[in-house]
């Protein structure tokens, strides 16, 4: 499982901080920011996730990789 901390969520993109060195499922199509462990999800992949879950700044997302190309959102919550 991978825990993501939402740094910024707006209409265009989601910026998350990976709390561990685990890889995100390739289906999510994250782009790594040059420094640190931040990654960006944008475009249709962010729209699909945003239309299913209410995600905002400060939220935490737990993702379980089912395979290289598939994943399951286990939990989305605001601490």
PDB file of N, CA and C in Angstrom:
ATOM      1  N   UNK A   1       0.831  -1.175   0.000  1.00  0.00           N
ATOM      2  CA  UNK A   1       0.000   0.000   0.000  1.00  0.00           C
ATOM      3  C   UNK A   1       0.878   1.241   0.000  1.00  0.00           C
ATOM      4  N   UNK A   2       0.347   2.300  -0.573  1.00  0.00           N
ATOM      5  CA  UNK A   2       1.071   3.555  -0.672  1.00  0.00           C
ATOM      6  C   UNK A   2       0.223   4.643  -0.017  1.00  0.00           C
ATOM      7  N   UNK A   3       0.835   5.427   0.860  1.00  0.00           N
ATOM      8  CA  UNK A   3       0.152   6.557   1.483  1.00  0.00           C
ATOM      9  C   UNK A   3       0.610   7.826   0.788  1.00  0.00           C
ATOM     10  N   UNK A   4      -0.348   8.615   0.304  1.00  0.00           N
ATOM     11  CA  UNK A   4      -0.065   9.883  -0.353  1.00  0.00           C
ATOM     12  C   UNK A   4      -0.620  11.007   0.503  1.00  0.00           C
ATOM     13  N   UNK A   5       0.150  12.061   0.697  1.00  0.00           N
ATOM     14  CA  UNK A   5      -0.315  13.257   1.384  1.00  0.00           C
ATOM     15  C   UNK A   5      -0.588  14.307   0.321  1.00  0.00           C
ATOM     16  N   UNK A   6      -1.790  14.848   0.288  1.00  0.00           N
ATOM     17  CA  UNK A   6      -2.150  15.828  -0.739  1.00  0.00           C
ATOM     18  C   UNK A   6      -1.568  17.180  -0.354  1.00  0.00           C
ATOM     19  N   UNK A   7      -0.671  17.684  -1.193  1.00  0.00           N
ATOM     20  CA  UNK A   7      -0.049  18.986  -0.992  1.00  0.00           C
ATOM     21  C   UNK A   7      -0.936  20.072  -1.592  1.00  0.00           C
ATOM     22  N   UNK A   8      -1.461  19.807  -2.793  1.00  0.00           N
ATOM     23  CA  UNK A   8      -2.308  20.778  -3.479  1.00  0.00           C
ATOM     24  C   UNK A   8      -3.272  20.043  -4.393  1.00  0.00           C
ATOM     25  N   UNK A   9      -4.539  20.425  -4.337  1.00  0.00           N
ATOM     26  CA  UNK A   9      -5.550  19.839  -5.217  1.00  0.00           C
ATOM     27  C   UNK A   9      -6.400  20.973  -5.770  1.00  0.00           C
ATOM     28  N   UNK A  10      -6.376  21.139  -7.083  1.00  0.00           N
ATOM     29  CA  UNK A  10      -7.245  22.126  -7.711  1.00  0.00           C
ATOM     30  C   UNK A  10      -7.859  21.512  -8.959  1.00  0.00           C
ATOM     31  N   UNK A  11      -8.511  22.327  -9.775  1.00  0.00           N
ATOM     32  CA  UNK A  11      -9.206  21.787 -10.941  1.00  0.00           C
ATOM     33  C   UNK A  11      -8.266  21.174 -11.967  1.00  0.00           C
ATOM     34  N   UNK A  12      -7.033  21.657 -12.042  1.00  0.00           N
ATOM     35  CA  UNK A  12      -6.119  21.216 -13.090  1.00  0.00           C
ATOM     36  C   UNK A  12      -5.193  20.080 -12.694  1.00  0.00           C
ATOM     37  N   UNK A  13      -4.815  20.021 -11.416  1.00  0.00           N
ATOM     38  CA  UNK A  13      -3.825  19.013 -11.034  1.00  0.00           C
ATOM     39  C   UNK A  13      -3.888  18.665  -9.557  1.00  0.00           C
ATOM     40  N   UNK A  14      -3.293  17.540  -9.250  1.00  0.00           N
ATOM     41  CA  UNK A  14      -3.144  17.059  -7.882  1.00  0.00           C
ATOM     42  C   UNK A  14      -1.648  16.906  -7.636  1.00  0.00           C
ATOM     43  N   UNK A  15      -1.152  17.539  -6.587  1.00  0.00           N
ATOM     44  CA  UNK A  15       0.251  17.378  -6.202  1.00  0.00           C
ATOM     45  C   UNK A  15       0.262  16.631  -4.881  1.00  0.00           C
ATOM     46  N   UNK A  16       0.962  15.503  -4.859  1.00  0.00           N
ATOM     47  CA  UNK A  16       1.007  14.676  -3.659  1.00  0.00           C
ATOM     48  C   UNK A  16       2.443  14.478  -3.206  1.00  0.00           C
ATOM     49  N   UNK A  17       2.586  14.138  -1.936  1.00  0.00           N
ATOM     50  CA  UNK A  17       3.883  13.799  -1.360  1.00  0.00           C
ATOM     51  C   UNK A  17       3.834  12.323  -1.000  1.00  0.00           C
ATOM     52  N   UNK A  18       4.761  11.559  -1.545  1.00  0.00           N
ATOM     53  CA  UNK A  18       4.863  10.140  -1.214  1.00  0.00           C
ATOM     54  C   UNK A  18       5.546  10.022   0.136  1.00  0.00           C
ATOM     55  N   UNK A  19       4.962   9.263   1.046  1.00  0.00           N
ATOM     56  CA  UNK A  19       5.523   9.130   2.389  1.00  0.00           C
ATOM     57  C   UNK A  19       6.501   7.974   2.488  1.00  0.00           C
ATOM     58  N   UNK A  20       6.624   7.223   1.426  1.00  0.00           N
ATOM     59  CA  UNK A  20       7.521   6.066   1.418  1.00  0.00           C
ATOM     60  C   UNK A  20       8.099   5.920   0.020  1.00  0.00           C
ATOM     61  N   UNK A  21       9.030   5.044  -0.149  1.00  0.00           N
ATOM     62  CA  UNK A  21       9.700   4.909  -1.438  1.00  0.00           C
ATOM     63  C   UNK A  21       8.932   4.030  -2.421  1.00  0.00           C
ATOM     64  N   UNK A  22       7.761   3.555  -2.026  1.00  0.00           N
ATOM     65  CA  UNK A  22       6.977   2.695  -2.916  1.00  0.00           C
ATOM     66  C   UNK A  22       6.593   3.440  -4.185  1.00  0.00           C
ATOM     67  N   UNK A  23       6.446   2.706  -5.240  1.00  0.00           N
ATOM     68  CA  UNK A  23       6.024   3.289  -6.505  1.00  0.00           C
ATOM     69  C   UNK A  23       4.510   3.387  -6.551  1.00  0.00           C
ATOM     70  N   UNK A  24       4.023   4.418  -7.206  1.00  0.00           N
ATOM     71  CA  UNK A  24       2.584   4.528  -7.448  1.00  0.00           C
ATOM     72  C   UNK A  24       2.233   3.608  -8.604  1.00  0.00           C
ATOM     73  N   UNK A  25       1.007   3.115  -8.647  1.00  0.00           N
ATOM     74  CA  UNK A  25       0.599   2.292  -9.784  1.00  0.00           C
ATOM     75  C   UNK A  25       0.768   3.082 -11.080  1.00  0.00           C
ATOM     76  N   UNK A  26       1.279   2.444 -12.120  1.00  0.00           N
ATOM     77  CA  UNK A  26       1.532   3.140 -13.380  1.00  0.00           C
ATOM     78  C   UNK A  26       0.263   3.694 -14.000  1.00  0.00           C
ATOM     79  N   UNK A  27      -0.878   3.133 -13.696  1.00  0.00           N
ATOM     80  CA  UNK A  27      -2.152   3.607 -14.230  1.00  0.00           C
ATOM     81  C   UNK A  27      -2.456   5.043 -13.806  1.00  0.00           C
ATOM     82  N   UNK A  28      -1.915   5.476 -12.671  1.00  0.00           N
ATOM     83  CA  UNK A  28      -2.184   6.827 -12.194  1.00  0.00           C
ATOM     84  C   UNK A  28      -1.423   7.896 -12.968  1.00  0.00           C
ATOM     85  N   UNK A  29      -0.382   7.530 -13.682  1.00  0.00           N
ATOM     86  CA  UNK A  29       0.354   8.449 -14.556  1.00  0.00           C
ATOM     87  C   UNK A  29       0.889   9.685 -13.829  1.00  0.00           C
ATOM     88  N   UNK A  30       1.505   9.491 -12.670  1.00  0.00           N
ATOM     89  CA  UNK A  30       2.120  10.597 -11.944  1.00  0.00           C
ATOM     90  C   UNK A  30       3.382  11.047 -12.657  1.00  0.00           C
ATOM     91  N   UNK A  31       3.658  12.351 -12.611  1.00  0.00           N
ATOM     92  CA  UNK A  31       4.916  12.897 -13.110  1.00  0.00           C
ATOM     93  C   UNK A  31       5.696  13.370 -11.895  1.00  0.00           C
ATOM     94  N   UNK A  32       6.944  12.960 -11.805  1.00  0.00           N
ATOM     95  CA  UNK A  32       7.769  13.305 -10.636  1.00  0.00           C
ATOM     96  C   UNK A  32       8.294  14.740 -10.772  1.00  0.00           C
ATOM     97  N   UNK A  33       8.210  15.493  -9.668  1.00  0.00           N
ATOM     98  CA  UNK A  33       8.799  16.822  -9.612  1.00  0.00           C
ATOM     99  C   UNK A  33      10.285  16.626  -9.334  1.00  0.00           C
ATOM    100  N   UNK A  34      11.121  17.460  -9.916  1.00  0.00           N
ATOM    101  CA  UNK A  34      12.574  17.267  -9.859  1.00  0.00           C
ATOM    102  C   UNK A  34      13.133  17.006  -8.465  1.00  0.00           C
ATOM    103  N   UNK A  35      12.716  17.803  -7.490  1.00  0.00           N
ATOM    104  CA  UNK A  35      13.320  17.631  -6.162  1.00  0.00           C
ATOM    105  C   UNK A  35      12.342  16.971  -5.202  1.00  0.00           C
ATOM    106  N   UNK A  36      12.852  16.091  -4.393  1.00  0.00           N
ATOM    107  CA  UNK A  36      12.045  15.478  -3.347  1.00  0.00           C
ATOM    108  C   UNK A  36      11.124  14.373  -3.821  1.00  0.00           C
ATOM    109  N   UNK A  37      10.097  14.144  -3.035  1.00  0.00           N
ATOM    110  CA  UNK A  37       9.201  13.030  -3.302  1.00  0.00           C
ATOM    111  C   UNK A  37       7.801  13.499  -3.694  1.00  0.00           C
ATOM    112  N   UNK A  38       7.711  14.692  -4.322  1.00  0.00           N
ATOM    113  CA  UNK A  38       6.425  15.189  -4.797  1.00  0.00           C
ATOM    114  C   UNK A  38       6.174  14.705  -6.220  1.00  0.00           C
ATOM    115  N   UNK A  39       4.905  14.431  -6.497  1.00  0.00           N
ATOM    116  CA  UNK A  39       4.519  14.014  -7.840  1.00  0.00           C
ATOM    117  C   UNK A  39       3.219  14.705  -8.222  1.00  0.00           C
ATOM    118  N   UNK A  40       2.998  14.866  -9.528  1.00  0.00           N
ATOM    119  CA  UNK A  40       1.830  15.564 -10.060  1.00  0.00           C
ATOM    120  C   UNK A  40       0.983  14.603 -10.875  1.00  0.00           C
ATOM    121  N   UNK A  41      -0.326  14.685 -10.671  1.00  0.00           N
ATOM    122  CA  UNK A  41      -1.295  13.958 -11.482  1.00  0.00           C
ATOM    123  C   UNK A  41      -2.183  15.014 -12.118  1.00  0.00           C
ATOM    124  N   UNK A  42      -2.315  14.986 -13.454  1.00  0.00           N
ATOM    125  CA  UNK A  42      -3.127  15.995 -14.132  1.00  0.00           C
ATOM    126  C   UNK A  42      -3.898  15.357 -15.281  1.00  0.00           C
ATOM    127  N   UNK A  43      -4.647  16.187 -15.986  1.00  0.00           N
ATOM    128  CA  UNK A  43      -5.379  15.718 -17.157  1.00  0.00           C
ATOM    129  C   UNK A  43      -6.511  14.773 -16.815  1.00  0.00           C
ATOM    130  N   UNK A  44      -6.775  13.859 -17.738  1.00  0.00           N
ATOM    131  CA  UNK A  44      -7.911  12.947 -17.589  1.00  0.00           C
ATOM    132  C   UNK A  44      -7.787  12.030 -16.378  1.00  0.00           C
ATOM    133  N   UNK A  45      -6.563  11.697 -15.998  1.00  0.00           N
ATOM    134  CA  UNK A  45      -6.374  10.811 -14.842  1.00  0.00           C
ATOM    135  C   UNK A  45      -6.783  11.517 -13.548  1.00  0.00           C
ATOM    136  N   UNK A  46      -6.443  12.806 -13.414  1.00  0.00           N
ATOM    137  CA  UNK A  46      -6.866  13.567 -12.243  1.00  0.00           C
ATOM    138  C   UNK A  46      -8.379  13.792 -12.282  1.00  0.00           C
ATOM    139  N   UNK A  47      -8.926  14.094 -13.446  1.00  0.00           N
ATOM    140  CA  UNK A  47     -10.372  14.305 -13.563  1.00  0.00           C
ATOM    141  C   UNK A  47     -11.140  13.053 -13.146  1.00  0.00           C
ATOM    142  N   UNK A  48     -10.679  11.891 -13.578  1.00  0.00           N
ATOM    143  CA  UNK A  48     -11.336  10.625 -13.235  1.00  0.00           C
ATOM    144  C   UNK A  48     -11.315  10.395 -11.719  1.00  0.00           C
ATOM    145  N   UNK A  49     -10.183  10.623 -11.095  1.00  0.00           N
ATOM    146  CA  UNK A  49     -10.057  10.439  -9.649  1.00  0.00           C
ATOM    147  C   UNK A  49     -10.901  11.466  -8.893  1.00  0.00           C
ATOM    148  N   UNK A  50     -10.870  12.710  -9.357  1.00  0.00           N
ATOM    149  CA  UNK A  50     -11.608  13.798  -8.701  1.00  0.00           C
ATOM    150  C   UNK A  50     -13.118  13.624  -8.829  1.00  0.00           C
ATOM    151  N   UNK A  51     -13.565  13.031  -9.931  1.00  0.00           N
ATOM    152  CA  UNK A  51     -15.003  12.829 -10.116  1.00  0.00           C
ATOM    153  C   UNK A  51     -15.533  11.695  -9.238  1.00  0.00           C
ATOM    154  N   UNK A  52     -14.651  10.849  -8.738  1.00  0.00           N
ATOM    155  CA  UNK A  52     -15.047   9.726  -7.890  1.00  0.00           C
ATOM    156  C   UNK A  52     -14.909  10.049  -6.404  1.00  0.00           C
ATOM    157  N   UNK A  53     -13.896  10.822  -6.037  1.00  0.00           N
ATOM    158  CA  UNK A  53     -13.603  11.116  -4.630  1.00  0.00           C
ATOM    159  C   UNK A  53     -13.496  12.618  -4.405  1.00  0.00           C
ATOM    160  N   UNK A  54     -13.950  13.079  -3.246  1.00  0.00           N
ATOM    161  CA  UNK A  54     -13.748  14.470  -2.841  1.00  0.00           C
ATOM    162  C   UNK A  54     -12.352  14.546  -2.231  1.00  0.00           C
ATOM    163  N   UNK A  55     -11.437  15.193  -2.935  1.00  0.00           N
ATOM    164  CA  UNK A  55     -10.045  15.274  -2.487  1.00  0.00           C
ATOM    165  C   UNK A  55      -9.645  16.742  -2.448  1.00  0.00           C
ATOM    166  N   UNK A  56      -9.064  17.165  -1.343  1.00  0.00           N
ATOM    167  CA  UNK A  56      -8.630  18.543  -1.205  1.00  0.00           C
ATOM    168  C   UNK A  56      -7.270  18.632  -0.542  1.00  0.00           C
ATOM    169  N   UNK A  57      -6.789  19.859  -0.402  1.00  0.00           N
ATOM    170  CA  UNK A  57      -5.501  20.096   0.253  1.00  0.00           C
ATOM    171  C   UNK A  57      -5.518  19.484   1.651  1.00  0.00           C
ATOM    172  N   UNK A  58      -4.439  18.824   2.019  1.00  0.00           N
ATOM    173  CA  UNK A  58      -4.307  18.248   3.345  1.00  0.00           C
ATOM    174  C   UNK A  58      -4.885  16.848   3.498  1.00  0.00           C
ATOM    175  N   UNK A  59      -5.559  16.350   2.485  1.00  0.00           N
ATOM    176  CA  UNK A  59      -6.139  15.007   2.566  1.00  0.00           C
ATOM    177  C   UNK A  59      -5.041  13.955   2.511  1.00  0.00           C
ATOM    178  N   UNK A  60      -5.392  12.750   2.913  1.00  0.00           N
ATOM    179  CA  UNK A  60      -4.500  11.590   2.814  1.00  0.00           C
ATOM    180  C   UNK A  60      -5.210  10.535   1.980  1.00  0.00           C
ATOM    181  N   UNK A  61      -4.457   9.889   1.118  1.00  0.00           N
ATOM    182  CA  UNK A  61      -5.014   8.868   0.231  1.00  0.00           C
ATOM    183  C   UNK A  61      -4.185   7.604   0.389  1.00  0.00           C
ATOM    184  N   UNK A  62      -4.841   6.497   0.648  1.00  0.00           N
ATOM    185  CA  UNK A  62      -4.161   5.206   0.707  1.00  0.00           C
ATOM    186  C   UNK A  62      -4.546   4.425  -0.540  1.00  0.00           C
ATOM    187  N   UNK A  63      -3.532   3.988  -1.281  1.00  0.00           N
ATOM    188  CA  UNK A  63      -3.729   3.268  -2.537  1.00  0.00           C
ATOM    189  C   UNK A  63      -3.102   1.888  -2.421  1.00  0.00           C
ATOM    190  N   UNK A  64      -3.808   0.906  -2.914  1.00  0.00           N
ATOM    191  CA  UNK A  64      -3.285  -0.459  -2.957  1.00  0.00           C
ATOM    192  C   UNK A  64      -3.061  -0.838  -4.415  1.00  0.00           C
ATOM    193  N   UNK A  65      -1.844  -1.253  -4.741  1.00  0.00           N
ATOM    194  CA  UNK A  65      -1.555  -1.736  -6.095  1.00  0.00           C
ATOM    195  C   UNK A  65      -2.089  -3.146  -6.235  1.00  0.00           C
ATOM    196  N   UNK A  66      -2.891  -3.352  -7.258  1.00  0.00           N
ATOM    197  CA  UNK A  66      -3.399  -4.689  -7.538  1.00  0.00           C
ATOM    198  C   UNK A  66      -2.473  -5.366  -8.542  1.00  0.00           C
ATOM    199  N   UNK A  67      -2.022  -4.591  -9.505  1.00  0.00           N
ATOM    200  CA  UNK A  67      -1.042  -5.058 -10.488  1.00  0.00           C
ATOM    201  C   UNK A  67      -0.290  -3.825 -10.966  1.00  0.00           C
ATOM    202  N   UNK A  68       0.591  -3.996 -11.930  1.00  0.00           N
ATOM    203  CA  UNK A  68       1.334  -2.861 -12.471  1.00  0.00           C
ATOM    204  C   UNK A  68       0.413  -1.803 -13.062  1.00  0.00           C
ATOM    205  N   UNK A  69      -0.692  -2.235 -13.637  1.00  0.00           N
ATOM    206  CA  UNK A  69      -1.570  -1.310 -14.339  1.00  0.00           C
ATOM    207  C   UNK A  69      -2.912  -1.093 -13.659  1.00  0.00           C
ATOM    208  N   UNK A  70      -3.079  -1.547 -12.449  1.00  0.00           N
ATOM    209  CA  UNK A  70      -4.362  -1.387 -11.775  1.00  0.00           C
ATOM    210  C   UNK A  70      -4.140  -1.075 -10.297  1.00  0.00           C
ATOM    211  N   UNK A  71      -5.077  -0.358  -9.726  1.00  0.00           N
ATOM    212  CA  UNK A  71      -4.974   0.036  -8.329  1.00  0.00           C
ATOM    213  C   UNK A  71      -6.366   0.144  -7.727  1.00  0.00           C
ATOM    214  N   UNK A  72      -6.395   0.236  -6.421  1.00  0.00           N
ATOM    215  CA  UNK A  72      -7.652   0.404  -5.702  1.00  0.00           C
ATOM    216  C   UNK A  72      -7.416   1.455  -4.623  1.00  0.00           C
ATOM    217  N   UNK A  73      -8.308   2.453  -4.569  1.00  0.00           N
ATOM    218  CA  UNK A  73      -8.239   3.434  -3.499  1.00  0.00           C
ATOM    219  C   UNK A  73      -8.815   2.771  -2.259  1.00  0.00           C
ATOM    220  N   UNK A  74      -8.017   2.642  -1.230  1.00  0.00           N
ATOM    221  CA  UNK A  74      -8.457   1.997   0.000  1.00  0.00           C
ATOM    222  C   UNK A  74      -9.160   3.007   0.900  1.00  0.00           C
ATOM    223  N   UNK A  75      -8.605   4.217   0.967  1.00  0.00           N
ATOM    224  CA  UNK A  75      -9.170   5.208   1.876  1.00  0.00           C
ATOM    225  C   UNK A  75      -8.773   6.615   1.437  1.00  0.00           C
ATOM    226  N   UNK A  76      -9.711   7.554   1.553  1.00  0.00           N
ATOM    227  CA  UNK A  76      -9.454   8.975   1.347  1.00  0.00           C
ATOM    228  C   UNK A  76     -10.006   9.671   2.584  1.00  0.00           C
ATOM    229  N   UNK A  77      -9.163  10.403   3.287  1.00  0.00           N
ATOM    230  CA  UNK A  77      -9.649  11.064   4.497  1.00  0.00           C
ATOM    231  C   UNK A  77      -8.899  12.354   4.761  1.00  0.00           C
ATOM    232  N   UNK A  78      -9.560  13.223   5.524  1.00  0.00           N
ATOM    233  CA  UNK A  78      -8.930  14.472   5.951  1.00  0.00           C
ATOM    234  C   UNK A  78      -8.657  14.369   7.441  1.00  0.00           C
ATOM    235  N   UNK A  79      -7.383  14.442   7.831  1.00  0.00           N
ATOM    236  CA  UNK A  79      -7.023  14.311   9.254  1.00  0.00           C
ATOM    237  C   UNK A  79      -7.489  15.511  10.075  1.00  0.00           C
TER     238      UNK A  79
END
